[in-house]
Amino acid sequence: NFPHLEQYIEVVEVGTPLTMLDYTQRTETLGLRHTPRRMCDMELRPDCRLPGLYFTGQDVAFAGWAGALTGAMVTAQLLLDYSIIDFMRKKTLMRDLGRGDVEDMIMKKVSEGTAASP
């Protein structure tokens, strides 16, 4: 979708259940351990000490597909610079997506040629 970004890609990695079986002798893995101690950690967040590295999915929230979706939203809001003030004003990524603001922004970039069309 974004061929103009190809020059910035350093590594692409894909894993399947067979990949997991080869490395772990299990066909599934769940990322970071979801222990009570970790779930009570108030520092559970997508960013870390390494600049430019972010966690997403269930490693940010909780196990399972709902945790993966929640973690993805939290990470996206951080990367798109939503703040706690935005949240208190009820400006969130989900509301912006629902109003079409994000879609309008993407379509504008497509029409300007700064993003690939879907």
C-alpha atoms as a PDB file:
ATOM      1  CA  ASN A   1       0.000   0.000   0.000  1.00  0.00           C
ATOM      2  CA  PHE A   2       2.905   2.396   0.609  1.00  0.00           C
ATOM      3  CA  PRO A   3       5.641   1.711  -1.957  1.00  0.00           C
ATOM      4  CA  HIS A   4       7.318   5.058  -1.254  1.00  0.00           C
ATOM      5  CA  LEU A   5       8.213   3.746   2.230  1.00  0.00           C
ATOM      6  CA  GLU A   6      10.034   0.668   0.919  1.00  0.00           C
ATOM      7  CA  GLN A   7      13.429   2.360   1.223  1.00  0.00           C
ATOM      8  CA  TYR A   8      12.898   2.664   5.007  1.00  0.00           C
ATOM      9  CA  ILE A   9      12.138  -1.030   5.621  1.00  0.00           C
ATOM     10  CA  GLU A  10      15.079  -2.858   7.140  1.00  0.00           C
ATOM     11  CA  VAL A  11      13.503  -6.178   8.200  1.00  0.00           C
ATOM     12  CA  VAL A  12      10.265  -7.999   7.457  1.00  0.00           C
ATOM     13  CA  GLU A  13       9.531 -11.069   9.547  1.00  0.00           C
ATOM     14  CA  VAL A  14       6.582 -13.421   9.280  1.00  0.00           C
ATOM     15  CA  GLY A  15       5.743 -16.256  11.645  1.00  0.00           C
ATOM     16  CA  THR A  16       3.131 -18.998  11.507  1.00  0.00           C
ATOM     17  CA  PRO A  17       2.112 -21.730  13.956  1.00  0.00           C
ATOM     18  CA  LEU A  18       4.651 -23.975  12.181  1.00  0.00           C
ATOM     19  CA  THR A  19       7.378 -21.401  12.874  1.00  0.00           C
ATOM     20  CA  MET A  20       6.430 -21.431  16.565  1.00  0.00           C
ATOM     21  CA  LEU A  21       6.482 -25.236  16.579  1.00  0.00           C
ATOM     22  CA  ASP A  22      10.008 -25.202  15.161  1.00  0.00           C
ATOM     23  CA  TYR A  23      11.349 -22.784  17.794  1.00  0.00           C
ATOM     24  CA  THR A  24       9.257 -23.577  20.885  1.00  0.00           C
ATOM     25  CA  GLN A  25       7.836 -27.071  20.339  1.00  0.00           C
ATOM     26  CA  ARG A  26       4.406 -25.421  20.731  1.00  0.00           C
ATOM     27  CA  THR A  27       2.127 -24.126  17.993  1.00  0.00           C
ATOM     28  CA  GLU A  28       1.032 -21.078  19.989  1.00  0.00           C
ATOM     29  CA  THR A  29       2.718 -18.407  22.034  1.00  0.00           C
ATOM     30  CA  LEU A  30       1.130 -15.555  23.903  1.00  0.00           C
ATOM     31  CA  GLY A  31       3.876 -12.939  24.045  1.00  0.00           C
ATOM     32  CA  LEU A  32       4.788 -11.589  27.460  1.00  0.00           C
ATOM     33  CA  ARG A  33       3.617 -13.552  30.508  1.00  0.00           C
ATOM     34  CA  HIS A  34       0.292 -12.317  31.825  1.00  0.00           C
ATOM     35  CA  THR A  35       1.001 -12.619  35.541  1.00  0.00           C
ATOM     36  CA  PRO A  36      -0.984 -10.796  38.258  1.00  0.00           C
ATOM     37  CA  ARG A  37       2.129  -8.756  39.074  1.00  0.00           C
ATOM     38  CA  ARG A  38       2.495  -7.603  35.474  1.00  0.00           C
ATOM     39  CA  MET A  39      -1.197  -6.755  35.134  1.00  0.00           C
ATOM     40  CA  CYS A  40      -0.986  -4.521  38.237  1.00  0.00           C
ATOM     41  CA  ASP A  41       2.034  -2.675  36.850  1.00  0.00           C
ATOM     42  CA  MET A  42       1.046   0.967  36.317  1.00  0.00           C
ATOM     43  CA  GLU A  43       3.917   1.308  33.825  1.00  0.00           C
ATOM     44  CA  LEU A  44       2.323  -1.163  31.393  1.00  0.00           C
ATOM     45  CA  ARG A  45       2.470   0.912  28.233  1.00  0.00           C
ATOM     46  CA  PRO A  46       3.415   0.662  24.542  1.00  0.00           C
ATOM     47  CA  ASP A  47       6.618   2.689  24.636  1.00  0.00           C
ATOM     48  CA  CYS A  48       9.842   1.619  26.260  1.00  0.00           C
ATOM     49  CA  ARG A  49      13.333   2.907  27.010  1.00  0.00           C
ATOM     50  CA  LEU A  50      14.548   2.251  23.466  1.00  0.00           C
ATOM     51  CA  PRO A  51      13.631   5.256  21.291  1.00  0.00           C
ATOM     52  CA  GLY A  52      11.356   4.327  18.406  1.00  0.00           C
ATOM     53  CA  LEU A  53      10.473   0.859  19.761  1.00  0.00           C
ATOM     54  CA  TYR A  54       6.841   0.234  20.699  1.00  0.00           C
ATOM     55  CA  PHE A  55       4.909  -2.785  21.913  1.00  0.00           C
ATOM     56  CA  THR A  56       1.405  -3.426  20.656  1.00  0.00           C
ATOM     57  CA  GLY A  57      -1.325  -6.030  20.810  1.00  0.00           C
ATOM     58  CA  GLN A  58      -1.825  -8.217  23.837  1.00  0.00           C
ATOM     59  CA  ASP A  59       1.616  -7.346  25.237  1.00  0.00           C
ATOM     60  CA  VAL A  60       0.253  -3.879  26.062  1.00  0.00           C
ATOM     61  CA  ALA A  61      -3.133  -4.922  27.423  1.00  0.00           C
ATOM     62  CA  PHE A  62      -4.272  -8.452  28.278  1.00  0.00           C
ATOM     63  CA  ALA A  63      -4.290 -11.902  26.679  1.00  0.00           C
ATOM     64  CA  GLY A  64      -6.480 -12.854  23.753  1.00  0.00           C
ATOM     65  CA  TRP A  65      -7.940 -11.123  20.744  1.00  0.00           C
ATOM     66  CA  ALA A  66      -9.738  -8.447  22.799  1.00  0.00           C
ATOM     67  CA  GLY A  67      -6.450  -7.597  24.517  1.00  0.00           C
ATOM     68  CA  ALA A  68      -4.709  -7.466  21.156  1.00  0.00           C
ATOM     69  CA  LEU A  69      -7.300  -5.007  19.808  1.00  0.00           C
ATOM     70  CA  THR A  70      -7.123  -2.894  22.968  1.00  0.00           C
ATOM     71  CA  GLY A  71      -3.334  -2.844  22.875  1.00  0.00           C
ATOM     72  CA  ALA A  72      -3.368  -1.851  19.207  1.00  0.00           C
ATOM     73  CA  MET A  73      -5.678   1.084  19.936  1.00  0.00           C
ATOM     74  CA  VAL A  74      -3.544   2.241  22.872  1.00  0.00           C
ATOM     75  CA  THR A  75      -0.378   2.082  20.749  1.00  0.00           C
ATOM     76  CA  ALA A  76      -2.007   3.846  17.778  1.00  0.00           C
ATOM     77  CA  GLN A  77      -3.273   6.659  20.007  1.00  0.00           C
ATOM     78  CA  LEU A  78       0.219   7.100  21.458  1.00  0.00           C
ATOM     79  CA  LEU A  79       1.857   7.164  18.010  1.00  0.00           C
ATOM     80  CA  LEU A  80      -0.756   9.617  16.704  1.00  0.00           C
ATOM     81  CA  ASP A  81      -0.090  11.870  19.713  1.00  0.00           C
ATOM     82  CA  TYR A  82      -3.466  11.678  21.450  1.00  0.00           C
ATOM     83  CA  SER A  83      -3.163  12.957  25.026  1.00  0.00           C
ATOM     84  CA  ILE A  84      -5.025  12.533  28.283  1.00  0.00           C
ATOM     85  CA  ILE A  85      -6.521  15.976  27.624  1.00  0.00           C
ATOM     86  CA  ASP A  86      -7.903  14.668  24.307  1.00  0.00           C
ATOM     87  CA  PHE A  87      -9.373  11.698  26.163  1.00  0.00           C
ATOM     88  CA  MET A  88     -11.012  13.978  28.750  1.00  0.00           C
ATOM     89  CA  ARG A  89     -12.466  16.048  25.890  1.00  0.00           C
ATOM     90  CA  LYS A  90     -13.774  12.795  24.361  1.00  0.00           C
ATOM     91  CA  LYS A  91     -11.421  13.070  21.371  1.00  0.00           C
ATOM     92  CA  THR A  92     -10.170   9.556  20.732  1.00  0.00           C
ATOM     93  CA  LEU A  93      -9.007   7.600  17.717  1.00  0.00           C
ATOM     94  CA  MET A  94     -12.240   5.578  17.686  1.00  0.00           C
ATOM     95  CA  ARG A  95     -14.375   8.724  17.691  1.00  0.00           C
ATOM     96  CA  ASP A  96     -12.225  10.274  14.965  1.00  0.00           C
ATOM     97  CA  LEU A  97     -12.491   7.108  12.871  1.00  0.00           C
ATOM     98  CA  GLY A  98     -16.256   7.070  13.419  1.00  0.00           C
ATOM     99  CA  ARG A  99     -16.608  10.660  12.197  1.00  0.00           C
ATOM    100  CA  GLY A 100     -14.454   9.934   9.204  1.00  0.00           C
ATOM    101  CA  ASP A 101     -11.739  12.463  10.152  1.00  0.00           C
ATOM    102  CA  VAL A 102      -8.969   9.904   9.749  1.00  0.00           C
ATOM    103  CA  GLU A 103     -10.415   8.571   6.509  1.00  0.00           C
ATOM    104  CA  ASP A 104     -10.613  12.130   5.119  1.00  0.00           C
ATOM    105  CA  MET A 105      -6.979  12.693   6.098  1.00  0.00           C
ATOM    106  CA  ILE A 106      -5.893   9.456   4.378  1.00  0.00           C
ATOM    107  CA  MET A 107      -7.896  10.200   1.220  1.00  0.00           C
ATOM    108  CA  LYS A 108      -6.373  13.702   1.087  1.00  0.00           C
ATOM    109  CA  LYS A 109      -2.895  12.163   1.237  1.00  0.00           C
ATOM    110  CA  VAL A 110      -3.863   9.689  -1.496  1.00  0.00           C
ATOM    111  CA  SER A 111      -5.144  12.486  -3.743  1.00  0.00           C
ATOM    112  CA  GLU A 112      -1.944  14.494  -3.104  1.00  0.00           C
ATOM    113  CA  GLY A 113       0.124  11.442  -3.998  1.00  0.00           C
ATOM    114  CA  THR A 114       1.758  11.245  -0.565  1.00  0.00           C
ATOM    115  CA  ALA A 115       0.135   7.890   0.261  1.00  0.00           C
ATOM    116  CA  ALA A 116      -0.706   4.849  -1.828  1.00  0.00           C
ATOM    117  CA  SER A 117      -4.363   4.225  -2.613  1.00  0.00           C
ATOM    118  CA  PRO A 118      -6.037   1.146  -1.095  1.00  0.00           C
END
